[in-house]
């Protein structure tokens, strides 16, 4: 599901930068 996808991507984006975690949420949102 969307949440599962975000759960996998969020940690990667958080490591990449503080502003990045917003991107996976926007991409995963319907």
Protein backbone atom coordinates (compact mmCIF):
# COMPACT_ATOMS: atom_id res chain seq x y z
CA UNK A 1 0.00 0.00 0.00
CA UNK A 2 0.93 3.68 0.00
CA UNK A 3 1.93 3.60 3.66
CA UNK A 4 4.16 0.58 3.08
CA UNK A 5 5.84 2.36 0.19
CA UNK A 6 6.39 5.51 2.22
CA UNK A 7 7.65 3.46 5.16
CA UNK A 8 10.37 2.06 2.89
CA UNK A 9 11.26 5.35 1.20
CA UNK A 10 11.05 7.73 4.18
CA UNK A 11 14.14 6.35 6.00
CA UNK A 12 16.16 6.69 2.79
CA UNK A 13 15.04 10.28 2.24
CA UNK A 14 15.63 11.19 5.89
CA UNK A 15 19.23 10.00 5.55
CA UNK A 16 19.59 11.99 2.35
CA UNK A 17 18.45 15.30 3.84
CA UNK A 18 16.07 17.02 6.23
CA UNK A 19 13.92 18.46 3.42
CA UNK A 20 13.69 15.20 1.48
CA UNK A 21 11.14 13.34 3.68
CA UNK A 22 8.41 15.59 2.25
CA UNK A 23 8.93 14.28 -1.28
CA UNK A 24 8.01 10.59 -0.77
CA UNK A 25 4.82 11.66 0.98
CA UNK A 26 3.79 13.83 -1.97
CA UNK A 27 4.66 11.08 -4.46
CA UNK A 28 2.81 8.41 -2.45
CA UNK A 29 -0.29 10.55 -1.96
CA UNK A 30 -3.19 9.72 -4.30
